[in-house]
PDB file of N, CA and C in Angstrom:
ATOM      1  N   UNK A   1      17.097 -34.812  14.994  1.00  0.00           N
ATOM      2  CA  UNK A   1      16.223 -33.705  14.603  1.00  0.00           C
ATOM      3  C   UNK A   1      16.512 -33.309  13.153  1.00  0.00           C
ATOM      4  N   UNK A   2      15.468 -33.139  12.383  1.00  0.00           N
ATOM      5  CA  UNK A   2      15.627 -32.747  10.991  1.00  0.00           C
ATOM      6  C   UNK A   2      16.072 -31.291  10.918  1.00  0.00           C
ATOM      7  N   UNK A   3      16.755 -30.951   9.854  1.00  0.00           N
ATOM      8  CA  UNK A   3      17.240 -29.593   9.663  1.00  0.00           C
ATOM      9  C   UNK A   3      16.239 -28.798   8.822  1.00  0.00           C
ATOM     10  N   UNK A   4      15.757 -27.732   9.395  1.00  0.00           N
ATOM     11  CA  UNK A   4      14.764 -26.900   8.710  1.00  0.00           C
ATOM     12  C   UNK A   4      15.185 -25.429   8.711  1.00  0.00           C
ATOM     13  N   UNK A   5      16.477 -25.164   8.582  1.00  0.00           N
ATOM     14  CA  UNK A   5      16.956 -23.782   8.690  1.00  0.00           C
ATOM     15  C   UNK A   5      16.370 -22.876   7.608  1.00  0.00           C
ATOM     16  N   UNK A   6      16.224 -23.391   6.388  1.00  0.00           N
ATOM     17  CA  UNK A   6      15.637 -22.572   5.320  1.00  0.00           C
ATOM     18  C   UNK A   6      14.184 -22.240   5.619  1.00  0.00           C
ATOM     19  N   UNK A   7      13.448 -23.243   6.065  1.00  0.00           N
ATOM     20  CA  UNK A   7      12.038 -23.017   6.378  1.00  0.00           C
ATOM     21  C   UNK A   7      11.919 -22.088   7.580  1.00  0.00           C
ATOM     22  N   UNK A   8      12.784 -22.251   8.589  1.00  0.00           N
ATOM     23  CA  UNK A   8      12.769 -21.361   9.758  1.00  0.00           C
ATOM     24  C   UNK A   8      12.979 -19.918   9.308  1.00  0.00           C
ATOM     25  N   UNK A   9      13.962 -19.698   8.448  1.00  0.00           N
ATOM     26  CA  UNK A   9      14.237 -18.344   7.955  1.00  0.00           C
ATOM     27  C   UNK A   9      13.036 -17.797   7.191  1.00  0.00           C
ATOM     28  N   UNK A  10      12.405 -18.648   6.398  1.00  0.00           N
ATOM     29  CA  UNK A  10      11.213 -18.239   5.649  1.00  0.00           C
ATOM     30  C   UNK A  10      10.093 -17.859   6.616  1.00  0.00           C
ATOM     31  N   UNK A  11       9.881 -18.676   7.643  1.00  0.00           N
ATOM     32  CA  UNK A  11       8.823 -18.393   8.622  1.00  0.00           C
ATOM     33  C   UNK A  11       9.111 -17.106   9.380  1.00  0.00           C
ATOM     34  N   UNK A  12      10.349 -16.907   9.783  1.00  0.00           N
ATOM     35  CA  UNK A  12      10.705 -15.691  10.524  1.00  0.00           C
ATOM     36  C   UNK A  12      10.528 -14.452   9.647  1.00  0.00           C
ATOM     37  N   UNK A  13      10.906 -14.556   8.376  1.00  0.00           N
ATOM     38  CA  UNK A  13      10.721 -13.435   7.455  1.00  0.00           C
ATOM     39  C   UNK A  13       9.254 -13.112   7.255  1.00  0.00           C
ATOM     40  N   UNK A  14       8.450 -14.150   7.073  1.00  0.00           N
ATOM     41  CA  UNK A  14       7.009 -13.947   6.881  1.00  0.00           C
ATOM     42  C   UNK A  14       6.382 -13.347   8.127  1.00  0.00           C
ATOM     43  N   UNK A  15       6.802 -13.838   9.311  1.00  0.00           N
ATOM     44  CA  UNK A  15       6.252 -13.297  10.560  1.00  0.00           C
ATOM     45  C   UNK A  15       6.601 -11.820  10.703  1.00  0.00           C
ATOM     46  N   UNK A  16       7.830 -11.466  10.394  1.00  0.00           N
ATOM     47  CA  UNK A  16       8.247 -10.064  10.470  1.00  0.00           C
ATOM     48  C   UNK A  16       7.417  -9.197   9.523  1.00  0.00           C
ATOM     49  N   UNK A  17       7.207  -9.691   8.315  1.00  0.00           N
ATOM     50  CA  UNK A  17       6.388  -8.973   7.333  1.00  0.00           C
ATOM     51  C   UNK A  17       4.959  -8.781   7.847  1.00  0.00           C
ATOM     52  N   UNK A  18       4.385  -9.844   8.407  1.00  0.00           N
ATOM     53  CA  UNK A  18       3.014  -9.766   8.921  1.00  0.00           C
ATOM     54  C   UNK A  18       2.912  -8.838  10.127  1.00  0.00           C
ATOM     55  N   UNK A  19       3.906  -8.882  11.000  1.00  0.00           N
ATOM     56  CA  UNK A  19       3.885  -8.000  12.173  1.00  0.00           C
ATOM     57  C   UNK A  19       3.973  -6.540  11.758  1.00  0.00           C
ATOM     58  N   UNK A  20       4.774  -6.264  10.742  1.00  0.00           N
ATOM     59  CA  UNK A  20       4.866  -4.899  10.215  1.00  0.00           C
ATOM     60  C   UNK A  20       3.534  -4.462   9.621  1.00  0.00           C
ATOM     61  N   UNK A  21       2.940  -5.342   8.836  1.00  0.00           N
ATOM     62  CA  UNK A  21       1.641  -5.048   8.228  1.00  0.00           C
ATOM     63  C   UNK A  21       0.580  -4.833   9.297  1.00  0.00           C
ATOM     64  N   UNK A  22       0.605  -5.674  10.320  1.00  0.00           N
ATOM     65  CA  UNK A  22      -0.363  -5.575  11.411  1.00  0.00           C
ATOM     66  C   UNK A  22      -0.206  -4.245  12.152  1.00  0.00           C
ATOM     67  N   UNK A  23       1.022  -3.822  12.348  1.00  0.00           N
ATOM     68  CA  UNK A  23       1.262  -2.523  12.985  1.00  0.00           C
ATOM     69  C   UNK A  23       0.669  -1.386  12.172  1.00  0.00           C
ATOM     70  N   UNK A  24       0.841  -1.444  10.863  1.00  0.00           N
ATOM     71  CA  UNK A  24       0.278  -0.412   9.978  1.00  0.00           C
ATOM     72  C   UNK A  24      -1.243  -0.431  10.022  1.00  0.00           C
ATOM     73  N   UNK A  25      -1.814  -1.629  10.048  1.00  0.00           N
ATOM     74  CA  UNK A  25      -3.272  -1.753  10.099  1.00  0.00           C
ATOM     75  C   UNK A  25      -3.805  -1.142  11.390  1.00  0.00           C
ATOM     76  N   UNK A  26      -3.169  -1.477  12.510  1.00  0.00           N
ATOM     77  CA  UNK A  26      -3.622  -0.941  13.798  1.00  0.00           C
ATOM     78  C   UNK A  26      -3.491   0.573  13.845  1.00  0.00           C
ATOM     79  N   UNK A  27      -2.435   1.093  13.248  1.00  0.00           N
ATOM     80  CA  UNK A  27      -2.244   2.547  13.191  1.00  0.00           C
ATOM     81  C   UNK A  27      -3.349   3.193  12.359  1.00  0.00           C
ATOM     82  N   UNK A  28      -3.647   2.598  11.199  1.00  0.00           N
ATOM     83  CA  UNK A  28      -4.686   3.145  10.322  1.00  0.00           C
ATOM     84  C   UNK A  28      -6.065   3.098  10.976  1.00  0.00           C
ATOM     85  N   UNK A  29      -6.350   2.007  11.672  1.00  0.00           N
ATOM     86  CA  UNK A  29      -7.659   1.852  12.313  1.00  0.00           C
ATOM     87  C   UNK A  29      -7.849   2.864  13.440  1.00  0.00           C
ATOM     88  N   UNK A  30      -6.771   3.211  14.105  1.00  0.00           N
ATOM     89  CA  UNK A  30      -6.881   4.101  15.266  1.00  0.00           C
ATOM     90  C   UNK A  30      -7.007   5.582  14.896  1.00  0.00           C
ATOM     91  N   UNK A  31      -6.923   5.897  13.602  1.00  0.00           N
ATOM     92  CA  UNK A  31      -7.042   7.296  13.170  1.00  0.00           C
ATOM     93  C   UNK A  31      -8.465   7.808  13.407  1.00  0.00           C
ATOM     94  N   UNK A  32      -8.595   9.067  13.850  1.00  0.00           N
ATOM     95  CA  UNK A  32      -9.948   9.617  14.051  1.00  0.00           C
ATOM     96  C   UNK A  32     -10.686   9.745  12.722  1.00  0.00           C
ATOM     97  N   UNK A  33     -12.006   9.649  12.809  1.00  0.00           N
ATOM     98  CA  UNK A  33     -12.843   9.755  11.614  1.00  0.00           C
ATOM     99  C   UNK A  33     -12.932  11.194  11.142  1.00  0.00           C
ATOM    100  N   UNK A  34     -13.137  11.346   9.857  1.00  0.00           N
ATOM    101  CA  UNK A  34     -13.335  12.648   9.226  1.00  0.00           C
ATOM    102  C   UNK A  34     -14.657  13.240   9.724  1.00  0.00           C
ATOM    103  N   UNK A  35     -14.801  14.548   9.661  1.00  0.00           N
ATOM    104  CA  UNK A  35     -16.037  15.199  10.102  1.00  0.00           C
ATOM    105  C   UNK A  35     -17.164  15.078   9.077  1.00  0.00           C
ATOM    106  N   UNK A  36     -16.819  14.842   7.838  1.00  0.00           N
ATOM    107  CA  UNK A  36     -17.805  14.701   6.775  1.00  0.00           C
ATOM    108  C   UNK A  36     -18.465  13.324   6.881  1.00  0.00           C
ATOM    109  N   UNK A  37     -19.813  13.313   6.932  1.00  0.00           N
ATOM    110  CA  UNK A  37     -20.559  12.062   7.121  1.00  0.00           C
ATOM    111  C   UNK A  37     -20.279  11.063   6.003  1.00  0.00           C
ATOM    112  N   UNK A  38     -20.266  11.506   4.759  1.00  0.00           N
ATOM    113  CA  UNK A  38     -20.032  10.609   3.630  1.00  0.00           C
ATOM    114  C   UNK A  38     -18.631  10.000   3.716  1.00  0.00           C
ATOM    115  N   UNK A  39     -17.680  10.821   4.104  1.00  0.00           N
ATOM    116  CA  UNK A  39     -16.304  10.332   4.243  1.00  0.00           C
ATOM    117  C   UNK A  39     -16.196   9.345   5.403  1.00  0.00           C
ATOM    118  N   UNK A  40     -16.968   9.586   6.469  1.00  0.00           N
ATOM    119  CA  UNK A  40     -16.976   8.655   7.607  1.00  0.00           C
ATOM    120  C   UNK A  40     -17.457   7.272   7.182  1.00  0.00           C
ATOM    121  N   UNK A  41     -18.489   7.242   6.326  1.00  0.00           N
ATOM    122  CA  UNK A  41     -19.018   5.960   5.865  1.00  0.00           C
ATOM    123  C   UNK A  41     -17.946   5.168   5.112  1.00  0.00           C
ATOM    124  N   UNK A  42     -17.198   5.850   4.275  1.00  0.00           N
ATOM    125  CA  UNK A  42     -16.119   5.201   3.520  1.00  0.00           C
ATOM    126  C   UNK A  42     -15.026   4.732   4.486  1.00  0.00           C
ATOM    127  N   UNK A  43     -14.686   5.582   5.435  1.00  0.00           N
ATOM    128  CA  UNK A  43     -13.633   5.227   6.393  1.00  0.00           C
ATOM    129  C   UNK A  43     -14.045   4.034   7.255  1.00  0.00           C
ATOM    130  N   UNK A  44     -15.320   3.984   7.648  1.00  0.00           N
ATOM    131  CA  UNK A  44     -15.794   2.849   8.445  1.00  0.00           C
ATOM    132  C   UNK A  44     -15.756   1.554   7.640  1.00  0.00           C
ATOM    133  N   UNK A  45     -16.139   1.640   6.375  1.00  0.00           N
ATOM    134  CA  UNK A  45     -16.080   0.460   5.510  1.00  0.00           C
ATOM    135  C   UNK A  45     -14.639   0.001   5.335  1.00  0.00           C
ATOM    136  N   UNK A  46     -13.736   0.951   5.109  1.00  0.00           N
ATOM    137  CA  UNK A  46     -12.321   0.614   4.978  1.00  0.00           C
ATOM    138  C   UNK A  46     -11.787   0.018   6.287  1.00  0.00           C
ATOM    139  N   UNK A  47     -12.277   0.542   7.402  1.00  0.00           N
ATOM    140  CA  UNK A  47     -11.863   0.032   8.702  1.00  0.00           C
ATOM    141  C   UNK A  47     -12.252  -1.424   8.896  1.00  0.00           C
ATOM    142  N   UNK A  48     -13.442  -1.788   8.399  1.00  0.00           N
ATOM    143  CA  UNK A  48     -13.887  -3.184   8.497  1.00  0.00           C
ATOM    144  C   UNK A  48     -12.986  -4.106   7.678  1.00  0.00           C
ATOM    145  N   UNK A  49     -12.605  -3.643   6.505  1.00  0.00           N
ATOM    146  CA  UNK A  49     -11.702  -4.432   5.663  1.00  0.00           C
ATOM    147  C   UNK A  49     -10.347  -4.571   6.353  1.00  0.00           C
ATOM    148  N   UNK A  50      -9.848  -3.478   6.905  1.00  0.00           N
ATOM    149  CA  UNK A  50      -8.566  -3.530   7.609  1.00  0.00           C
ATOM    150  C   UNK A  50      -8.627  -4.457   8.816  1.00  0.00           C
ATOM    151  N   UNK A  51      -9.735  -4.426   9.540  1.00  0.00           N
ATOM    152  CA  UNK A  51      -9.885  -5.327  10.688  1.00  0.00           C
ATOM    153  C   UNK A  51      -9.844  -6.785  10.241  1.00  0.00           C
ATOM    154  N   UNK A  52     -10.513  -7.101   9.161  1.00  0.00           N
ATOM    155  CA  UNK A  52     -10.507  -8.473   8.646  1.00  0.00           C
ATOM    156  C   UNK A  52      -9.092  -8.890   8.240  1.00  0.00           C
ATOM    157  N   UNK A  53      -8.380  -7.985   7.595  1.00  0.00           N
ATOM    158  CA  UNK A  53      -6.993  -8.276   7.215  1.00  0.00           C
ATOM    159  C   UNK A  53      -6.122  -8.464   8.454  1.00  0.00           C
ATOM    160  N   UNK A  54      -6.384  -7.676   9.483  1.00  0.00           N
ATOM    161  CA  UNK A  54      -5.642  -7.802  10.737  1.00  0.00           C
ATOM    162  C   UNK A  54      -5.884  -9.139  11.410  1.00  0.00           C
ATOM    163  N   UNK A  55      -7.125  -9.585  11.409  1.00  0.00           N
ATOM    164  CA  UNK A  55      -7.468 -10.882  12.003  1.00  0.00           C
ATOM    165  C   UNK A  55      -6.759 -12.007  11.245  1.00  0.00           C
ATOM    166  N   UNK A  56      -6.747 -11.921   9.916  1.00  0.00           N
ATOM    167  CA  UNK A  56      -6.054 -12.926   9.106  1.00  0.00           C
ATOM    168  C   UNK A  56      -4.552 -12.925   9.394  1.00  0.00           C
ATOM    169  N   UNK A  57      -3.970 -11.732   9.516  1.00  0.00           N
ATOM    170  CA  UNK A  57      -2.532 -11.631   9.801  1.00  0.00           C
ATOM    171  C   UNK A  57      -2.215 -12.224  11.169  1.00  0.00           C
ATOM    172  N   UNK A  58      -3.038 -11.929  12.161  1.00  0.00           N
ATOM    173  CA  UNK A  58      -2.821 -12.483  13.501  1.00  0.00           C
ATOM    174  C   UNK A  58      -2.931 -14.003  13.496  1.00  0.00           C
ATOM    175  N   UNK A  59      -3.882 -14.531  12.753  1.00  0.00           N
ATOM    176  CA  UNK A  59      -4.051 -15.987  12.670  1.00  0.00           C
ATOM    177  C   UNK A  59      -2.819 -16.636  12.038  1.00  0.00           C
ATOM    178  N   UNK A  60      -2.300 -16.025  10.979  1.00  0.00           N
ATOM    179  CA  UNK A  60      -1.115 -16.582  10.333  1.00  0.00           C
ATOM    180  C   UNK A  60       0.107 -16.471  11.236  1.00  0.00           C
ATOM    181  N   UNK A  61       0.228 -15.363  11.961  1.00  0.00           N
ATOM    182  CA  UNK A  61       1.340 -15.212  12.915  1.00  0.00           C
ATOM    183  C   UNK A  61       1.269 -16.319  13.968  1.00  0.00           C
ATOM    184  N   UNK A  62       0.079 -16.619  14.461  1.00  0.00           N
ATOM    185  CA  UNK A  62      -0.079 -17.690  15.449  1.00  0.00           C
ATOM    186  C   UNK A  62       0.333 -19.041  14.874  1.00  0.00           C
ATOM    187  N   UNK A  63      -0.031 -19.298  13.630  1.00  0.00           N
ATOM    188  CA  UNK A  63       0.363 -20.559  12.982  1.00  0.00           C
ATOM    189  C   UNK A  63       1.883 -20.639  12.832  1.00  0.00           C
ATOM    190  N   UNK A  64       2.479 -19.520  12.466  1.00  0.00           N
ATOM    191  CA  UNK A  64       3.933 -19.473  12.309  1.00  0.00           C
ATOM    192  C   UNK A  64       4.610 -19.716  13.653  1.00  0.00           C
ATOM    193  N   UNK A  65       4.119 -19.046  14.698  1.00  0.00           N
ATOM    194  CA  UNK A  65       4.701 -19.238  16.025  1.00  0.00           C
ATOM    195  C   UNK A  65       4.594 -20.690  16.480  1.00  0.00           C
ATOM    196  N   UNK A  66       3.473 -21.313  16.200  1.00  0.00           N
ATOM    197  CA  UNK A  66       3.290 -22.730  16.548  1.00  0.00           C
ATOM    198  C   UNK A  66       4.279 -23.604  15.790  1.00  0.00           C
ATOM    199  N   UNK A  67       4.489 -23.309  14.512  1.00  0.00           N
ATOM    200  CA  UNK A  67       5.448 -24.082  13.715  1.00  0.00           C
ATOM    201  C   UNK A  67       6.856 -23.933  14.281  1.00  0.00           C
ATOM    202  N   UNK A  68       7.218 -22.715  14.690  1.00  0.00           N
ATOM    203  CA  UNK A  68       8.548 -22.486  15.262  1.00  0.00           C
ATOM    204  C   UNK A  68       8.717 -23.241  16.581  1.00  0.00           C
ATOM    205  N   UNK A  69       7.667 -23.291  17.384  1.00  0.00           N
ATOM    206  CA  UNK A  69       7.721 -24.059  18.634  1.00  0.00           C
ATOM    207  C   UNK A  69       7.902 -25.544  18.325  1.00  0.00           C
ATOM    208  N   UNK A  70       7.152 -26.040  17.339  1.00  0.00           N
ATOM    209  CA  UNK A  70       7.296 -27.450  16.962  1.00  0.00           C
ATOM    210  C   UNK A  70       8.710 -27.746  16.481  1.00  0.00           C
ATOM    211  N   UNK A  71       9.319 -26.798  15.761  1.00  0.00           N
ATOM    212  CA  UNK A  71      10.721 -26.968  15.338  1.00  0.00           C
ATOM    213  C   UNK A  71      11.632 -27.089  16.541  1.00  0.00           C
ATOM    214  N   UNK A  72      11.449 -26.165  17.485  1.00  0.00           N
ATOM    215  CA  UNK A  72      12.297 -26.159  18.685  1.00  0.00           C
ATOM    216  C   UNK A  72      12.145 -27.439  19.496  1.00  0.00           C
ATOM    217  N   UNK A  73      10.965 -28.013  19.463  1.00  0.00           N
ATOM    218  CA  UNK A  73      10.685 -29.226  20.229  1.00  0.00           C
ATOM    219  C   UNK A  73      10.958 -30.501  19.436  1.00  0.00           C
ATOM    220  N   UNK A  74      11.383 -30.363  18.181  1.00  0.00           N
ATOM    221  CA  UNK A  74      11.682 -31.526  17.362  1.00  0.00           C
ATOM    222  C   UNK A  74      10.454 -32.235  16.822  1.00  0.00           C
ATOM    223  N   UNK A  75       9.319 -31.552  16.807  1.00  0.00           N
ATOM    224  CA  UNK A  75       8.074 -32.156  16.327  1.00  0.00           C
ATOM    225  C   UNK A  75       7.641 -31.597  14.977  1.00  0.00           C
ATOM    226  N   UNK A  76       8.413 -30.669  14.423  1.00  0.00           N
ATOM    227  CA  UNK A  76       8.044 -30.058  13.154  1.00  0.00           C
ATOM    228  C   UNK A  76       8.091 -31.117  12.050  1.00  0.00           C
ATOM    229  N   UNK A  77       7.108 -31.109  11.195  1.00  0.00           N
ATOM    230  CA  UNK A  77       7.049 -32.061  10.100  1.00  0.00           C
ATOM    231  C   UNK A  77       6.248 -33.304  10.434  1.00  0.00           C
ATOM    232  N   UNK A  78       5.796 -33.390  11.684  1.00  0.00           N
ATOM    233  CA  UNK A  78       4.946 -34.511  12.108  1.00  0.00           C
ATOM    234  C   UNK A  78       3.528 -33.990  12.320  1.00  0.00           C
ATOM    235  N   UNK A  79       2.552 -34.727  11.852  1.00  0.00           N
ATOM    236  CA  UNK A  79       1.150 -34.349  12.002  1.00  0.00           C
ATOM    237  C   UNK A  79       0.788 -34.322  13.485  1.00  0.00           C
ATOM    238  N   UNK A  80       0.140 -33.234  13.922  1.00  0.00           N
ATOM    239  CA  UNK A  80      -0.236 -33.106  15.333  1.00  0.00           C
ATOM    240  C   UNK A  80      -1.377 -34.051  15.702  1.00  0.00           C
ATOM    241  N   UNK A  81      -2.090 -34.563  14.713  1.00  0.00           N
ATOM    242  CA  UNK A  81      -3.203 -35.467  14.995  1.00  0.00           C
ATOM    243  C   UNK A  81      -2.783 -36.936  14.976  1.00  0.00           C
ATOM    244  N   UNK A  82      -2.181 -37.371  13.874  1.00  0.00           N
ATOM    245  CA  UNK A  82      -1.885 -38.802  13.732  1.00  0.00           C
ATOM    246  C   UNK A  82      -0.411 -39.145  13.897  1.00  0.00           C
ATOM    247  N   UNK A  83       0.459 -38.137  13.880  1.00  0.00           N
ATOM    248  CA  UNK A  83       1.889 -38.375  14.046  1.00  0.00           C
ATOM    249  C   UNK A  83       2.630 -38.738  12.778  1.00  0.00           C
ATOM    250  N   UNK A  84       1.917 -38.897  11.667  1.00  0.00           N
ATOM    251  CA  UNK A  84       2.568 -39.229  10.387  1.00  0.00           C
ATOM    252  C   UNK A  84       3.424 -38.048   9.927  1.00  0.00           C
ATOM    253  N   UNK A  85       4.413 -38.347   9.114  1.00  0.00           N
ATOM    254  CA  UNK A  85       5.257 -37.287   8.562  1.00  0.00           C
ATOM    255  C   UNK A  85       4.466 -36.476   7.543  1.00  0.00           C
ATOM    256  N   UNK A  86       4.610 -35.175   7.626  1.00  0.00           N
ATOM    257  CA  UNK A  86       3.987 -34.287   6.647  1.00  0.00           C
ATOM    258  C   UNK A  86       4.949 -34.224   5.459  1.00  0.00           C
ATOM    259  N   UNK A  87       4.481 -34.484   4.254  1.00  0.00           N
ATOM    260  CA  UNK A  87       5.378 -34.484   3.088  1.00  0.00           C
ATOM    261  C   UNK A  87       6.108 -33.150   2.919  1.00  0.00           C
ATOM    262  N   UNK A  88       7.366 -33.241   2.505  1.00  0.00           N
ATOM    263  CA  UNK A  88       8.192 -32.044   2.297  1.00  0.00           C
ATOM    264  C   UNK A  88       7.541 -31.090   1.305  1.00  0.00           C
ATOM    265  N   UNK A  89       6.834 -31.647   0.325  1.00  0.00           N
ATOM    266  CA  UNK A  89       6.172 -30.802  -0.672  1.00  0.00           C
ATOM    267  C   UNK A  89       5.109 -29.927  -0.024  1.00  0.00           C
ATOM    268  N   UNK A  90       4.377 -30.499   0.927  1.00  0.00           N
ATOM    269  CA  UNK A  90       3.342 -29.735   1.641  1.00  0.00           C
ATOM    270  C   UNK A  90       3.992 -28.649   2.488  1.00  0.00           C
ATOM    271  N   UNK A  91       5.070 -29.001   3.178  1.00  0.00           N
ATOM    272  CA  UNK A  91       5.757 -28.015   4.017  1.00  0.00           C
ATOM    273  C   UNK A  91       6.378 -26.902   3.178  1.00  0.00           C
ATOM    274  N   UNK A  92       6.786 -27.228   1.959  1.00  0.00           N
ATOM    275  CA  UNK A  92       7.346 -26.203   1.080  1.00  0.00           C
ATOM    276  C   UNK A  92       6.289 -25.178   0.686  1.00  0.00           C
ATOM    277  N   UNK A  93       5.066 -25.648   0.496  1.00  0.00           N
ATOM    278  CA  UNK A  93       3.968 -24.761   0.090  1.00  0.00           C
ATOM    279  C   UNK A  93       3.347 -24.068   1.300  1.00  0.00           C
ATOM    280  N   UNK A  94       3.168 -24.823   2.384  1.00  0.00           N
ATOM    281  CA  UNK A  94       2.557 -24.301   3.610  1.00  0.00           C
ATOM    282  C   UNK A  94       3.472 -24.649   4.781  1.00  0.00           C
ATOM    283  N   UNK A  95       4.531 -23.854   4.968  1.00  0.00           N
ATOM    284  CA  UNK A  95       5.529 -24.210   5.978  1.00  0.00           C
ATOM    285  C   UNK A  95       5.004 -24.231   7.408  1.00  0.00           C
ATOM    286  N   UNK A  96       3.840 -23.655   7.645  1.00  0.00           N
ATOM    287  CA  UNK A  96       3.284 -23.685   9.000  1.00  0.00           C
ATOM    288  C   UNK A  96       2.266 -24.814   9.175  1.00  0.00           C
ATOM    289  N   UNK A  97       2.203 -25.725   8.193  1.00  0.00           N
ATOM    290  CA  UNK A  97       1.265 -26.854   8.282  1.00  0.00           C
ATOM    291  C   UNK A  97       1.542 -27.673   9.535  1.00  0.00           C
ATOM    292  N   UNK A  98       0.467 -28.020  10.220  1.00  0.00           N
ATOM    293  CA  UNK A  98       0.603 -28.843  11.422  1.00  0.00           C
ATOM    294  C   UNK A  98      -0.047 -30.212  11.239  1.00  0.00           C
ATOM    295  N   UNK A  99      -0.708 -30.400  10.108  1.00  0.00           N
ATOM    296  CA  UNK A  99      -1.406 -31.660   9.854  1.00  0.00           C
ATOM    297  C   UNK A  99      -1.042 -32.200   8.474  1.00  0.00           C
ATOM    298  N   UNK A 100      -1.070 -33.528   8.365  1.00  0.00           N
ATOM    299  CA  UNK A 100      -0.916 -34.161   7.060  1.00  0.00           C
ATOM    300  C   UNK A 100      -2.179 -33.852   6.240  1.00  0.00           C
ATOM    301  N   UNK A 101      -2.149 -34.147   4.985  1.00  0.00           N
ATOM    302  CA  UNK A 101      -3.284 -33.826   4.105  1.00  0.00           C
ATOM    303  C   UNK A 101      -4.559 -34.512   4.586  1.00  0.00           C
ATOM    304  N   UNK A 102      -4.468 -35.791   4.947  1.00  0.00           N
ATOM    305  CA  UNK A 102      -5.661 -36.515   5.393  1.00  0.00           C
ATOM    306  C   UNK A 102      -6.285 -35.865   6.621  1.00  0.00           C
ATOM    307  N   UNK A 103      -5.463 -35.569   7.631  1.00  0.00           N
ATOM    308  CA  UNK A 103      -5.993 -34.980   8.872  1.00  0.00           C
ATOM    309  C   UNK A 103      -6.471 -33.547   8.642  1.00  0.00           C
ATOM    310  N   UNK A 104      -5.793 -32.807   7.772  1.00  0.00           N
ATOM    311  CA  UNK A 104      -6.233 -31.444   7.456  1.00  0.00           C
ATOM    312  C   UNK A 104      -7.589 -31.473   6.766  1.00  0.00           C
ATOM    313  N   UNK A 105      -7.777 -32.445   5.880  1.00  0.00           N
ATOM    314  CA  UNK A 105      -9.058 -32.588   5.182  1.00  0.00           C
ATOM    315  C   UNK A 105     -10.164 -32.919   6.174  1.00  0.00           C
ATOM    316  N   UNK A 106      -9.891 -33.842   7.093  1.00  0.00           N
ATOM    317  CA  UNK A 106     -10.886 -34.191   8.127  1.00  0.00           C
ATOM    318  C   UNK A 106     -11.217 -32.976   8.984  1.00  0.00           C
ATOM    319  N   UNK A 107     -10.202 -32.189   9.346  1.00  0.00           N
ATOM    320  CA  UNK A 107     -10.421 -31.003  10.177  1.00  0.00           C
ATOM    321  C   UNK A 107     -11.289 -29.980   9.459  1.00  0.00           C
ATOM    322  N   UNK A 108     -11.061 -29.785   8.177  1.00  0.00           N
ATOM    323  CA  UNK A 108     -11.854 -28.826   7.404  1.00  0.00           C
ATOM    324  C   UNK A 108     -13.298 -29.258   7.254  1.00  0.00           C
ATOM    325  N   UNK A 109     -13.536 -30.567   7.237  1.00  0.00           N
ATOM    326  CA  UNK A 109     -14.895 -31.070   7.083  1.00  0.00           C
ATOM    327  C   UNK A 109     -15.728 -30.878   8.357  1.00  0.00           C
ATOM    328  N   UNK A 110     -15.065 -30.712   9.478  1.00  0.00           N
ATOM    329  CA  UNK A 110     -15.787 -30.528  10.734  1.00  0.00           C
ATOM    330  C   UNK A 110     -15.935 -29.095  11.012  1.00  0.00           C
TER     331      UNK A 110
END
C-alpha cells in the first residue's frame, strides 16, 4: 500500500473546514426572514447563494470521503474506471481525484 499520510491529513483538514462552513451556512439559512419586504427579497437572494455554496461543500465532502475510503481499501491513486495510476501531480492538485485525466475528460464529455 502506498503511503499517503500527507494527503490524508490535507483531506481531513479540508473536510473539517468544509463541515464547519456547511454548519454556518445551515445556521444562516435557518434564520427567520425580516419583516421588511425589501429586506426579505435580499435575504432570499442571499439564501439562494448560500444554498448553492452548501451544495458545493456537500459535494466536495462526499468526494473527500470517497478518497479516504479508497485510501483505507488500498485503491487510492488508481483510476476507478480504467485502473491506471493517477499521476502524483494530479493528486497533489486534486487529492480527491478518482479518475485519471483521460477518464475524467471522457466523464466530463458525457
